[in-house]
C-alpha atoms as a PDB file:
ATOM      1  CA  MET A   1     -18.590  42.062 -23.958  1.00  0.00           C
ATOM      2  CA  PHE A   2     -15.403  41.028 -22.611  1.00  0.00           C
ATOM      3  CA  ASP A   3     -15.479  43.699 -20.083  1.00  0.00           C
ATOM      4  CA  GLY A   4     -18.584  42.142 -18.896  1.00  0.00           C
ATOM      5  CA  LEU A   5     -17.102  38.486 -18.727  1.00  0.00           C
ATOM      6  CA  PHE A   6     -14.198  40.009 -16.919  1.00  0.00           C
ATOM      7  CA  ASP A   7     -16.124  41.636 -14.337  1.00  0.00           C
ATOM      8  CA  PHE A   8     -18.318  38.626 -13.824  1.00  0.00           C
ATOM      9  CA  LEU A   9     -15.334  36.240 -13.484  1.00  0.00           C
ATOM     10  CA  GLN A  10     -13.928  39.189 -10.785  1.00  0.00           C
ATOM     11  CA  ASN A  11     -17.257  38.679  -8.867  1.00  0.00           C
ATOM     12  CA  ILE A  12     -16.655  34.810  -9.016  1.00  0.00           C
ATOM     13  CA  LEU A  13     -13.341  35.108  -7.670  1.00  0.00           C
ATOM     14  CA  LEU A  14     -13.941  37.396  -4.596  1.00  0.00           C
ATOM     15  CA  PRO A  15     -14.913  34.869  -1.927  1.00  0.00           C
ATOM     16  CA  ILE A  16     -12.215  32.539  -2.981  1.00  0.00           C
ATOM     17  CA  LYS A  17      -9.713  35.704  -2.970  1.00  0.00           C
ATOM     18  CA  TRP A  18     -11.180  36.626   0.642  1.00  0.00           C
ATOM     19  CA  VAL A  19     -10.325  33.095   1.621  1.00  0.00           C
ATOM     20  CA  ILE A  20      -6.838  33.114   0.134  1.00  0.00           C
ATOM     21  CA  GLU A  21      -6.328  36.179   2.087  1.00  0.00           C
ATOM     22  CA  GLN A  22      -7.329  34.910   5.421  1.00  0.00           C
ATOM     23  CA  ILE A  23      -5.195  32.097   5.060  1.00  0.00           C
ATOM     24  CA  LEU A  24      -2.140  33.933   4.014  1.00  0.00           C
ATOM     25  CA  VAL A  25      -2.540  36.274   6.878  1.00  0.00           C
ATOM     26  CA  PHE A  26      -3.049  33.600   9.228  1.00  0.00           C
ATOM     27  CA  PHE A  27       0.463  32.133   8.498  1.00  0.00           C
ATOM     28  CA  HIS A  28       2.116  35.245   8.506  1.00  0.00           C
ATOM     29  CA  THR A  29       1.078  36.157  11.681  1.00  0.00           C
ATOM     30  CA  LEU A  30       1.856  32.794  12.481  1.00  0.00           C
ATOM     31  CA  LEU A  31       5.545  33.325  11.297  1.00  0.00           C
ATOM     32  CA  GLY A  32       5.764  36.652  12.770  1.00  0.00           C
ATOM     33  CA  PHE A  33       5.506  35.015  16.158  1.00  0.00           C
ATOM     34  CA  LEU A  34       8.806  33.146  15.266  1.00  0.00           C
ATOM     35  CA  GLY A  35      10.698  36.483  14.348  1.00  0.00           C
ATOM     36  CA  PHE A  36       9.773  37.149  10.554  1.00  0.00           C
ATOM     37  CA  GLY A  37       9.090  40.900   9.876  1.00  0.00           C
ATOM     38  CA  ASP A  38       6.302  42.054   8.300  1.00  0.00           C
ATOM     39  CA  LYS A  39       7.577  42.786   5.284  1.00  0.00           C
ATOM     40  CA  SER A  40       9.763  39.574   5.083  1.00  0.00           C
ATOM     41  CA  GLY A  41       9.424  38.261   1.710  1.00  0.00           C
ATOM     42  CA  LEU A  42      10.557  34.763   3.078  1.00  0.00           C
ATOM     43  CA  SER A  43       7.288  35.024   5.425  1.00  0.00           C
ATOM     44  CA  TRP A  44       4.996  35.545   2.797  1.00  0.00           C
ATOM     45  CA  ALA A  45       6.408  33.064   0.284  1.00  0.00           C
ATOM     46  CA  LEU A  46       6.291  30.688   3.236  1.00  0.00           C
ATOM     47  CA  SER A  47       2.679  31.497   3.611  1.00  0.00           C
ATOM     48  CA  ILE A  48       2.069  30.507   0.328  1.00  0.00           C
ATOM     49  CA  VAL A  49       3.290  27.333   1.147  1.00  0.00           C
ATOM     50  CA  GLY A  50       0.981  27.168   3.946  1.00  0.00           C
ATOM     51  CA  LEU A  51      -1.851  27.871   1.427  1.00  0.00           C
ATOM     52  CA  VAL A  52      -0.948  25.097  -0.621  1.00  0.00           C
ATOM     53  CA  ILE A  53      -0.843  22.726   2.593  1.00  0.00           C
ATOM     54  CA  VAL A  54      -4.293  23.936   3.617  1.00  0.00           C
ATOM     55  CA  ILE A  55      -5.634  23.255   0.102  1.00  0.00           C
ATOM     56  CA  ARG A  56      -3.931  20.252  -0.794  1.00  0.00           C
ATOM     57  CA  ALA A  57      -4.960  18.911   2.747  1.00  0.00           C
ATOM     58  CA  THR A  58      -8.761  19.853   1.751  1.00  0.00           C
ATOM     59  CA  LEU A  59      -8.547  17.855  -1.375  1.00  0.00           C
ATOM     60  CA  ILE A  60      -7.142  14.617  -0.091  1.00  0.00           C
ATOM     61  CA  PRO A  61     -10.584  12.645  -0.395  1.00  0.00           C
ATOM     62  CA  VAL A  62     -10.693  14.212  -3.973  1.00  0.00           C
ATOM     63  CA  PHE A  63      -7.270  12.674  -4.455  1.00  0.00           C
ATOM     64  CA  LEU A  64      -8.131   9.753  -2.957  1.00  0.00           C
ATOM     65  CA  LYS A  65     -11.141   9.350  -5.596  1.00  0.00           C
ATOM     66  CA  GLN A  66      -8.578  10.238  -8.199  1.00  0.00           C
ATOM     67  CA  ILE A  67      -6.523   7.107  -7.469  1.00  0.00           C
ATOM     68  CA  ARG A  68      -9.290   4.685  -7.410  1.00  0.00           C
ATOM     69  CA  ALA A  69     -10.201   6.154 -10.751  1.00  0.00           C
ATOM     70  CA  GLN A  70      -6.742   5.635 -12.234  1.00  0.00           C
ATOM     71  CA  ARG A  71      -6.910   1.910 -10.938  1.00  0.00           C
ATOM     72  CA  LYS A  72     -10.516   1.483 -12.473  1.00  0.00           C
ATOM     73  CA  MET A  73      -9.437   2.860 -15.949  1.00  0.00           C
ATOM     74  CA  LEU A  74      -6.170   0.491 -15.926  1.00  0.00           C
ATOM     75  CA  GLU A  75      -8.231  -2.346 -14.720  1.00  0.00           C
ATOM     76  CA  ILE A  76     -10.387  -1.806 -17.779  1.00  0.00           C
ATOM     77  CA  ALA A  77      -8.034  -1.151 -20.251  1.00  0.00           C
ATOM     78  CA  PRO A  78      -7.168  -4.505 -21.689  1.00  0.00           C
ATOM     79  CA  GLU A  79     -11.053  -4.447 -22.266  1.00  0.00           C
ATOM     80  CA  VAL A  80     -11.334  -1.430 -24.066  1.00  0.00           C
ATOM     81  CA  ARG A  81      -8.427  -1.948 -26.313  1.00  0.00           C
ATOM     82  CA  ARG A  82     -10.439  -5.244 -27.423  1.00  0.00           C
ATOM     83  CA  ILE A  83     -13.047  -2.766 -28.388  1.00  0.00           C
ATOM     84  CA  GLN A  84     -10.958  -0.627 -30.023  1.00  0.00           C
ATOM     85  CA  GLU A  85      -9.219  -3.360 -31.988  1.00  0.00           C
ATOM     86  CA  LYS A  86     -12.697  -4.665 -33.011  1.00  0.00           C
ATOM     87  CA  TYR A  87     -13.511  -1.529 -34.514  1.00  0.00           C
ATOM     88  CA  LYS A  88      -9.930  -0.687 -35.982  1.00  0.00           C
ATOM     89  CA  GLY A  89      -9.986   0.477 -39.354  1.00  0.00           C
ATOM     90  CA  LYS A  90     -13.480   1.257 -39.321  1.00  0.00           C
ATOM     91  CA  ARG A  91     -14.474   5.158 -39.807  1.00  0.00           C
ATOM     92  CA  ASP A  92     -17.997   5.296 -40.554  1.00  0.00           C
ATOM     93  CA  VAL A  93     -20.501   7.035 -38.070  1.00  0.00           C
ATOM     94  CA  LEU A  94     -22.326   3.938 -36.969  1.00  0.00           C
ATOM     95  CA  SER A  95     -19.260   2.050 -36.108  1.00  0.00           C
ATOM     96  CA  ARG A  96     -17.708   5.109 -34.146  1.00  0.00           C
ATOM     97  CA  GLN A  97     -20.989   5.326 -32.440  1.00  0.00           C
ATOM     98  CA  SER A  98     -21.267   1.679 -31.854  1.00  0.00           C
ATOM     99  CA  MET A  99     -17.496   1.603 -30.394  1.00  0.00           C
ATOM    100  CA  ASN A 100     -18.249   4.461 -27.839  1.00  0.00           C
ATOM    101  CA  GLN A 101     -21.236   2.905 -26.499  1.00  0.00           C
ATOM    102  CA  GLU A 102     -19.685  -0.066 -26.044  1.00  0.00           C
ATOM    103  CA  MET A 103     -16.849   1.668 -24.066  1.00  0.00           C
ATOM    104  CA  MET A 104     -19.370   3.743 -22.283  1.00  0.00           C
ATOM    105  CA  GLU A 105     -21.180   0.489 -21.004  1.00  0.00           C
ATOM    106  CA  ILE A 106     -17.914  -0.826 -19.791  1.00  0.00           C
ATOM    107  CA  TYR A 107     -17.262   2.402 -17.919  1.00  0.00           C
ATOM    108  CA  ARG A 108     -20.775   2.389 -16.289  1.00  0.00           C
ATOM    109  CA  VAL A 109     -20.807  -1.396 -15.285  1.00  0.00           C
ATOM    110  CA  ARG A 110     -17.338  -1.045 -13.657  1.00  0.00           C
ATOM    111  CA  GLY A 111     -18.002   2.372 -12.069  1.00  0.00           C
ATOM    112  CA  ALA A 112     -14.990   4.015 -13.878  1.00  0.00           C
ATOM    113  CA  ASN A 113     -14.863   7.348 -14.810  1.00  0.00           C
ATOM    114  CA  PRO A 114     -12.275   9.286 -17.222  1.00  0.00           C
ATOM    115  CA  LEU A 115     -12.810  12.593 -15.771  1.00  0.00           C
ATOM    116  CA  SER A 116     -12.268  11.934 -12.131  1.00  0.00           C
ATOM    117  CA  SER A 117      -8.522  11.729 -12.447  1.00  0.00           C
ATOM    118  CA  CYS A 118      -8.720  15.673 -13.618  1.00  0.00           C
ATOM    119  CA  LEU A 119     -10.657  16.629 -10.387  1.00  0.00           C
ATOM    120  CA  PRO A 120      -7.915  17.887  -8.191  1.00  0.00           C
ATOM    121  CA  ILE A 121      -6.362  20.241 -11.148  1.00  0.00           C
ATOM    122  CA  VAL A 122      -9.576  21.313 -12.013  1.00  0.00           C
ATOM    123  CA  LEU A 123     -10.379  22.317  -8.453  1.00  0.00           C
ATOM    124  CA  GLN A 124      -7.317  24.014  -7.640  1.00  0.00           C
ATOM    125  CA  MET A 125      -7.861  26.195 -10.949  1.00  0.00           C
ATOM    126  CA  PRO A 126     -10.248  29.053  -8.766  1.00  0.00           C
ATOM    127  CA  VAL A 127      -7.482  28.902  -6.274  1.00  0.00           C
ATOM    128  CA  PHE A 128      -4.801  29.725  -8.786  1.00  0.00           C
ATOM    129  CA  PHE A 129      -6.718  32.309 -10.270  1.00  0.00           C
ATOM    130  CA  GLY A 130      -7.372  33.598  -6.848  1.00  0.00           C
ATOM    131  CA  LEU A 131      -4.026  33.995  -5.805  1.00  0.00           C
ATOM    132  CA  TYR A 132      -2.832  35.520  -9.202  1.00  0.00           C
ATOM    133  CA  GLN A 133      -5.721  38.381  -8.451  1.00  0.00           C
ATOM    134  CA  VAL A 134      -4.546  38.900  -4.667  1.00  0.00           C
ATOM    135  CA  ILE A 135      -0.822  39.250  -6.038  1.00  0.00           C
ATOM    136  CA  GLU A 136      -2.013  41.441  -8.823  1.00  0.00           C
ATOM    137  CA  SER A 137      -4.374  43.815  -6.490  1.00  0.00           C
ATOM    138  CA  ALA A 138      -1.408  44.135  -4.161  1.00  0.00           C
ATOM    139  CA  GLN A 139       0.686  45.300  -6.779  1.00  0.00           C
ATOM    140  CA  ASN A 140      -1.647  47.765  -8.368  1.00  0.00           C
ATOM    141  CA  ALA A 141      -3.153  49.009  -5.417  1.00  0.00           C
ATOM    142  CA  GLY A 142      -2.108  47.631  -2.221  1.00  0.00           C
ATOM    143  CA  THR A 143      -5.565  46.854  -1.156  1.00  0.00           C
ATOM    144  CA  GLY A 144      -7.433  43.525  -0.983  1.00  0.00           C
ATOM    145  CA  VAL A 145     -10.961  42.255  -0.613  1.00  0.00           C
ATOM    146  CA  GLY A 146     -10.035  40.534   2.966  1.00  0.00           C
ATOM    147  CA  PRO A 147      -7.525  41.500   5.317  1.00  0.00           C
ATOM    148  CA  LEU A 148      -4.874  42.223   2.902  1.00  0.00           C
ATOM    149  CA  ASN A 149      -5.622  45.998   2.870  1.00  0.00           C
ATOM    150  CA  GLY A 150      -4.410  49.115   4.648  1.00  0.00           C
ATOM    151  CA  PRO A 151      -0.816  48.733   6.210  1.00  0.00           C
ATOM    152  CA  LEU A 152      -1.037  44.795   5.726  1.00  0.00           C
ATOM    153  CA  GLY A 153      -1.639  45.067   1.991  1.00  0.00           C
ATOM    154  CA  MET A 154       1.309  47.509   1.830  1.00  0.00           C
ATOM    155  CA  ASP A 155       3.437  45.232   3.546  1.00  0.00           C
ATOM    156  CA  PHE A 156       2.582  42.165   1.377  1.00  0.00           C
ATOM    157  CA  ARG A 157       3.134  44.396  -2.037  1.00  0.00           C
ATOM    158  CA  ASP A 158       6.591  45.731  -0.202  1.00  0.00           C
ATOM    159  CA  SER A 159       7.996  42.212   0.519  1.00  0.00           C
ATOM    160  CA  ARG A 160      11.168  41.035  -1.052  1.00  0.00           C
ATOM    161  CA  ILE A 161      12.378  37.255  -0.907  1.00  0.00           C
ATOM    162  CA  PHE A 162      16.071  37.503  -0.180  1.00  0.00           C
ATOM    163  CA  GLY A 163      15.354  41.449   0.287  1.00  0.00           C
ATOM    164  CA  VAL A 164      15.127  41.780  -3.421  1.00  0.00           C
ATOM    165  CA  VAL A 165      12.337  39.651  -4.997  1.00  0.00           C
ATOM    166  CA  PRO A 166       9.145  40.875  -5.304  1.00  0.00           C
ATOM    167  CA  LEU A 167       6.217  38.239  -5.212  1.00  0.00           C
ATOM    168  CA  HIS A 168       4.686  39.949  -8.198  1.00  0.00           C
ATOM    169  CA  ASP A 169       7.741  39.950 -10.546  1.00  0.00           C
ATOM    170  CA  SER A 170       8.516  37.491 -13.103  1.00  0.00           C
ATOM    171  CA  PHE A 171      11.049  35.857 -15.384  1.00  0.00           C
ATOM    172  CA  SER A 172       9.153  37.620 -18.675  1.00  0.00           C
ATOM    173  CA  HIS A 173       9.308  40.929 -16.932  1.00  0.00           C
ATOM    174  CA  ASP A 174      13.044  41.195 -16.582  1.00  0.00           C
ATOM    175  CA  PHE A 175      13.562  39.487 -19.448  1.00  0.00           C
ATOM    176  CA  TYR A 176      12.066  42.168 -21.718  1.00  0.00           C
ATOM    177  CA  ALA A 177      13.533  44.743 -19.738  1.00  0.00           C
ATOM    178  CA  LEU A 178      17.024  43.227 -20.596  1.00  0.00           C
ATOM    179  CA  GLN A 179      16.230  43.342 -24.118  1.00  0.00           C
ATOM    180  CA  ALA A 180      15.139  46.647 -24.154  1.00  0.00           C
ATOM    181  CA  GLY A 181      18.429  47.959 -22.386  1.00  0.00           C
ATOM    182  CA  GLN A 182      16.570  48.767 -19.333  1.00  0.00           C
ATOM    183  CA  ALA A 183      17.113  47.797 -15.358  1.00  0.00           C
ATOM    184  CA  PHE A 184      16.500  44.062 -14.514  1.00  0.00           C
ATOM    185  CA  ASN A 185      16.390  41.967 -11.684  1.00  0.00           C
ATOM    186  CA  LEU A 186      18.694  38.911 -12.145  1.00  0.00           C
ATOM    187  CA  ILE A 187      17.927  37.514  -8.935  1.00  0.00           C
ATOM    188  CA  THR A 188      14.133  37.314  -9.991  1.00  0.00           C
ATOM    189  CA  MET A 189      15.168  35.636 -13.107  1.00  0.00           C
ATOM    190  CA  ILE A 190      17.266  32.856 -10.903  1.00  0.00           C
ATOM    191  CA  VAL A 191      14.824  32.251  -8.378  1.00  0.00           C
ATOM    192  CA  ALA A 192      11.955  31.699 -11.410  1.00  0.00           C
ATOM    193  CA  GLY A 193      14.393  29.532 -12.923  1.00  0.00           C
ATOM    194  CA  VAL A 194      15.298  27.505  -9.956  1.00  0.00           C
ATOM    195  CA  LEU A 195      11.283  27.191  -9.238  1.00  0.00           C
ATOM    196  CA  THR A 196      10.757  26.134 -12.735  1.00  0.00           C
ATOM    197  CA  ALA A 197      13.758  23.346 -12.653  1.00  0.00           C
ATOM    198  CA  ILE A 198      12.198  22.094  -9.241  1.00  0.00           C
ATOM    199  CA  MET A 199       8.660  21.584 -10.740  1.00  0.00           C
ATOM    200  CA  ILE A 200      10.358  19.871 -14.006  1.00  0.00           C
ATOM    201  CA  ALA A 201      12.182  17.391 -11.763  1.00  0.00           C
ATOM    202  CA  VAL A 202       9.738  16.599  -9.881  1.00  0.00           C
ATOM    203  CA  GLN A 203       7.431  15.824 -12.322  1.00  0.00           C
ATOM    204  CA  LEU A 204       9.953  13.835 -14.344  1.00  0.00           C
ATOM    205  CA  PHE A 205      10.577  11.796 -11.215  1.00  0.00           C
ATOM    206  CA  THR A 206       6.860  11.223 -10.518  1.00  0.00           C
ATOM    207  CA  GLN A 207       6.272  10.088 -14.365  1.00  0.00           C
ATOM    208  CA  LEU A 208       9.310   8.264 -14.838  1.00  0.00           C
ATOM    209  CA  LYS A 209      10.115   6.739 -11.329  1.00  0.00           C
ATOM    210  CA  VAL A 210       7.234   6.347  -9.154  1.00  0.00           C
ATOM    211  CA  ILE A 211       4.118   6.086 -11.436  1.00  0.00           C
ATOM    212  CA  PRO A 212       5.255   3.163 -13.727  1.00  0.00           C
ATOM    213  CA  LYS A 213       5.716   1.084 -10.632  1.00  0.00           C
ATOM    214  CA  ASN A 214       2.177   0.848 -10.156  1.00  0.00           C
ATOM    215  CA  ILE A 215       1.370  -0.099 -13.612  1.00  0.00           C
ATOM    216  CA  PRO A 216       0.249  -3.679 -14.382  1.00  0.00           C
ATOM    217  CA  GLU A 217       1.899  -5.327 -16.950  1.00  0.00           C
ATOM    218  CA  ASN A 218      -1.073  -5.967 -18.961  1.00  0.00           C
ATOM    219  CA  ALA A 219      -1.923  -2.297 -19.008  1.00  0.00           C
ATOM    220  CA  LYS A 220       1.513  -1.013 -20.588  1.00  0.00           C
ATOM    221  CA  ASN A 221       0.331  -1.265 -23.992  1.00  0.00           C
ATOM    222  CA  THR A 222      -3.034   0.525 -23.304  1.00  0.00           C
ATOM    223  CA  SER A 223      -4.043   4.124 -24.716  1.00  0.00           C
ATOM    224  CA  VAL A 224      -4.155   5.007 -20.925  1.00  0.00           C
ATOM    225  CA  TYR A 225      -0.772   4.606 -20.241  1.00  0.00           C
ATOM    226  CA  LYS A 226       0.171   5.932 -23.570  1.00  0.00           C
ATOM    227  CA  ASN A 227      -1.628   8.985 -22.768  1.00  0.00           C
ATOM    228  CA  GLN A 228       0.354   9.362 -19.422  1.00  0.00           C
ATOM    229  CA  LYS A 229       3.770   9.100 -21.322  1.00  0.00           C
ATOM    230  CA  VAL A 230       2.329  11.809 -23.577  1.00  0.00           C
ATOM    231  CA  MET A 231       2.081  14.206 -20.534  1.00  0.00           C
ATOM    232  CA  LEU A 232       5.322  13.079 -19.293  1.00  0.00           C
ATOM    233  CA  TYR A 233       6.679  15.449 -22.482  1.00  0.00           C
ATOM    234  CA  LEU A 234       3.543  18.154 -22.188  1.00  0.00           C
ATOM    235  CA  LEU A 235       3.851  19.074 -18.704  1.00  0.00           C
ATOM    236  CA  PRO A 236       7.433  19.894 -18.885  1.00  0.00           C
ATOM    237  CA  ILE A 237       6.682  22.227 -21.631  1.00  0.00           C
ATOM    238  CA  MET A 238       3.663  23.814 -19.827  1.00  0.00           C
ATOM    239  CA  PHE A 239       6.221  24.319 -16.687  1.00  0.00           C
ATOM    240  CA  LEU A 240       8.500  26.235 -18.916  1.00  0.00           C
ATOM    241  CA  GLY A 241       5.838  28.650 -20.061  1.00  0.00           C
ATOM    242  CA  MET A 242       4.652  29.040 -16.776  1.00  0.00           C
ATOM    243  CA  GLY A 243       8.202  29.837 -15.378  1.00  0.00           C
ATOM    244  CA  PHE A 244       8.617  32.339 -18.216  1.00  0.00           C
ATOM    245  CA  SER A 245       5.481  34.240 -17.688  1.00  0.00           C
ATOM    246  CA  PHE A 246       3.773  33.800 -14.306  1.00  0.00           C
ATOM    247  CA  PRO A 247       4.647  36.064 -11.173  1.00  0.00           C
ATOM    248  CA  VAL A 248       7.222  34.376  -8.381  1.00  0.00           C
ATOM    249  CA  GLY A 249       4.384  34.083  -5.840  1.00  0.00           C
ATOM    250  CA  ILE A 250       2.439  31.803  -8.408  1.00  0.00           C
ATOM    251  CA  LEU A 251       5.580  29.497  -9.176  1.00  0.00           C
ATOM    252  CA  ILE A 252       5.859  28.946  -5.196  1.00  0.00           C
ATOM    253  CA  TYR A 253       2.606  27.895  -5.169  1.00  0.00           C
ATOM    254  CA  TRP A 254       2.630  25.407  -8.234  1.00  0.00           C
ATOM    255  CA  THR A 255       5.832  24.053  -7.030  1.00  0.00           C
ATOM    256  CA  ALA A 256       4.998  23.169  -3.626  1.00  0.00           C
ATOM    257  CA  SER A 257       1.579  21.901  -4.915  1.00  0.00           C
ATOM    258  CA  ASN A 258       3.750  19.917  -7.247  1.00  0.00           C
ATOM    259  CA  VAL A 259       6.258  18.484  -4.554  1.00  0.00           C
ATOM    260  CA  TRP A 260       2.901  17.617  -2.310  1.00  0.00           C
ATOM    261  CA  SER A 261       1.671  15.651  -5.321  1.00  0.00           C
ATOM    262  CA  GLY A 262       4.689  13.846  -5.893  1.00  0.00           C
ATOM    263  CA  VAL A 263       5.197  12.472  -2.376  1.00  0.00           C
ATOM    264  CA  GLN A 264       1.293  11.898  -2.076  1.00  0.00           C
ATOM    265  CA  GLN A 265       1.551   9.622  -5.313  1.00  0.00           C
ATOM    266  CA  ALA A 266       4.782   7.702  -3.698  1.00  0.00           C
ATOM    267  CA  VAL A 267       2.782   7.482  -0.262  1.00  0.00           C
ATOM    268  CA  ALA A 268      -0.163   6.229  -1.824  1.00  0.00           C
ATOM    269  CA  ILE A 269       1.327   3.427  -4.419  1.00  0.00           C
ATOM    270  CA  TYR A 270       4.082   2.423  -1.311  1.00  0.00           C
ATOM    271  CA  ARG A 271       0.914   1.676   1.036  1.00  0.00           C
ATOM    272  CA  ASN A 272      -1.890   0.766  -1.564  1.00  0.00           C
ATOM    273  CA  PRO A 273      -0.395  -0.432  -4.949  1.00  0.00           C
ATOM    274  CA  SER A 274      -2.800  -1.479  -7.925  1.00  0.00           C
ATOM    275  CA  PRO A 275      -2.838  -5.429  -8.316  1.00  0.00           C
ATOM    276  CA  GLY A 276      -0.491  -6.968 -10.959  1.00  0.00           C
ATOM    277  CA  SER A 277       2.409  -3.997 -10.684  1.00  0.00           C
ATOM    278  CA  LEU A 278       5.801  -4.010  -9.829  1.00  0.00           C
ATOM    279  CA  ALA A 279       4.526  -2.074  -6.708  1.00  0.00           C
ATOM    280  CA  PHE A 280       2.424  -4.428  -5.723  1.00  0.00           C
ATOM    281  CA  GLU A 281       4.957  -7.111  -5.907  1.00  0.00           C
ATOM    282  CA  LEU A 282       6.828  -5.059  -3.759  1.00  0.00           C
ATOM    283  CA  ARG A 283       4.980  -4.617  -0.934  1.00  0.00           C
ATOM    284  CA  ARG A 284       4.066  -8.486  -0.979  1.00  0.00           C
ATOM    285  CA  LYS A 285       7.795  -8.986  -0.324  1.00  0.00           C
ATOM    286  CA  ARG A 286       7.913  -6.132   2.497  1.00  0.00           C
ATOM    287  CA  LEU A 287       4.869  -8.109   3.800  1.00  0.00           C
ATOM    288  CA  GLY A 288       6.608 -11.475   3.828  1.00  0.00           C
ATOM    289  CA  VAL A 289       4.035 -12.947   1.431  1.00  0.00           C
ATOM    290  CA  GLN A 290       5.354 -15.708  -0.954  1.00  0.00           C
ATOM    291  CA  ASN A 291       2.860 -16.799  -3.716  1.00  0.00           C
ATOM    292  CA  LYS A 292      -0.354 -18.017  -1.780  1.00  0.00           C
ATOM    293  CA  LYS A 293       1.439 -19.452   1.253  1.00  0.00           C
ATOM    294  CA  THR A 294       1.426 -17.709   4.652  1.00  0.00           C
ATOM    295  CA  LYS A 295       3.983 -17.888   7.091  1.00  0.00           C
ATOM    296  CA  GLY A 296       4.191 -20.541   9.267  1.00  0.00           C
ATOM    297  CA  GLN A 297       1.547 -22.699   7.186  1.00  0.00           C
ATOM    298  CA  ARG A 298       1.571 -26.469   8.103  1.00  0.00           C
ATOM    299  CA  GLN A 299       2.014 -28.770   5.204  1.00  0.00           C
ATOM    300  CA  GLN A 300      -0.785 -31.544   5.075  1.00  0.00           C
ATOM    301  CA  PRO A 301       0.875 -35.242   5.796  1.00  0.00           C
ATOM    302  CA  VAL A 302       1.457 -37.446   2.780  1.00  0.00           C
ATOM    303  CA  ASN A 303      -0.624 -40.925   2.891  1.00  0.00           C
ATOM    304  CA  LYS A 304       2.028 -43.790   2.662  1.00  0.00           C
ATOM    305  CA  ARG A 305       0.273 -45.097  -0.188  1.00  0.00           C
ATOM    306  CA  ARG A 306      -0.107 -42.057  -2.001  1.00  0.00           C
ATOM    307  CA  ALA A 307       3.586 -41.557  -1.659  1.00  0.00           C
ATOM    308  CA  LYS A 308       4.397 -44.910  -3.140  1.00  0.00           C
ATOM    309  CA  ARG A 309       2.106 -44.361  -6.454  1.00  0.00           C
ATOM    310  CA  ARG A 310       4.178 -41.012  -6.879  1.00  0.00           C
END
C-alpha cells in the first residue's frame, strides 16, 4: 500500500523535479561564466538561492492576495469577536452551528477567506519536496530526471560548500555519527546551526518588529492576532526540527525563502499599511498628512458678526 502511494507521489513530483533541475543548472551555468568551478559547492548553493528568487518572484501575486486576505481578516476581527462573545459558554450543537454560520456569512459578505493566508506556504511545499528528491537522487545515484544526470549530476553530488560541506549532509547525520564514535563533519553541523539561527532570527524579527506595526489597535485582542502570537513560538520550534533533520541544501532554500518573506512583508507594510495601525500613522507622517488637512489648505474667512458672537 505505502509503496504504491510512494510511487504515486514520485510520479507527481517528476515534472516539478525537472523544472527545479532546469533552474539549478541555469544558475550554475551562469555562475560558471563568473568563475565558479563545476564542483563548487558555493556555486550550487547560490543556484539554490536563485531557485528561491524564481519561485518567490512567481508567487508575488499570491503574496499580494495573502496580504489582502490578512487585512480583511483583521478588519472583520471585531465582528467575529462579537459573534464569539454572543455564543460564549454555549456548547450545544445548534449554538455552535449557528455561530459558524454567522461567521461564514461575515466572511462571504466581506470577501474574506481564512485559508488565503496559507497559500504561499502550501504552493511552496511541492518545490520543497521536489528539491529534497533532487538532492537525494544526486546523493544515491548521481542522476536526475532532467539535466542533472551524467557528469553534471556527479558534479552536483560531489560539490562541497567551503570544500567540506556536502549539500546532502545534515546535522542529524553527523550528530548520530558523533554519538556512535564514528567520523563526523563538524563544519556541516556548524553550517546547519548557523542557517537555523538565521531562520529563527528573521522569523522573530518579522513577528515581533514588523507585523505588529500593521495590526490596528481594535484587532489586538482578537483570535486572529492571538493565533499570530502562537506562531511566534511554534515556528522557531519547527525550524529547530528542520535544522536538525534536513540536508544543508534544503536549509539554504528555507533560509533564503525566509529572508525573502521578511523583506517582502516589511516592504508591503511600509508601502501599503493597514488603516488604523501604527505603520499607517507612520506613513501618514512621512507623506506630511496631519489629521484631515492637506498642506497649503486655505482657511475659510470668519464673518465679523460670527466672530463677535464667539
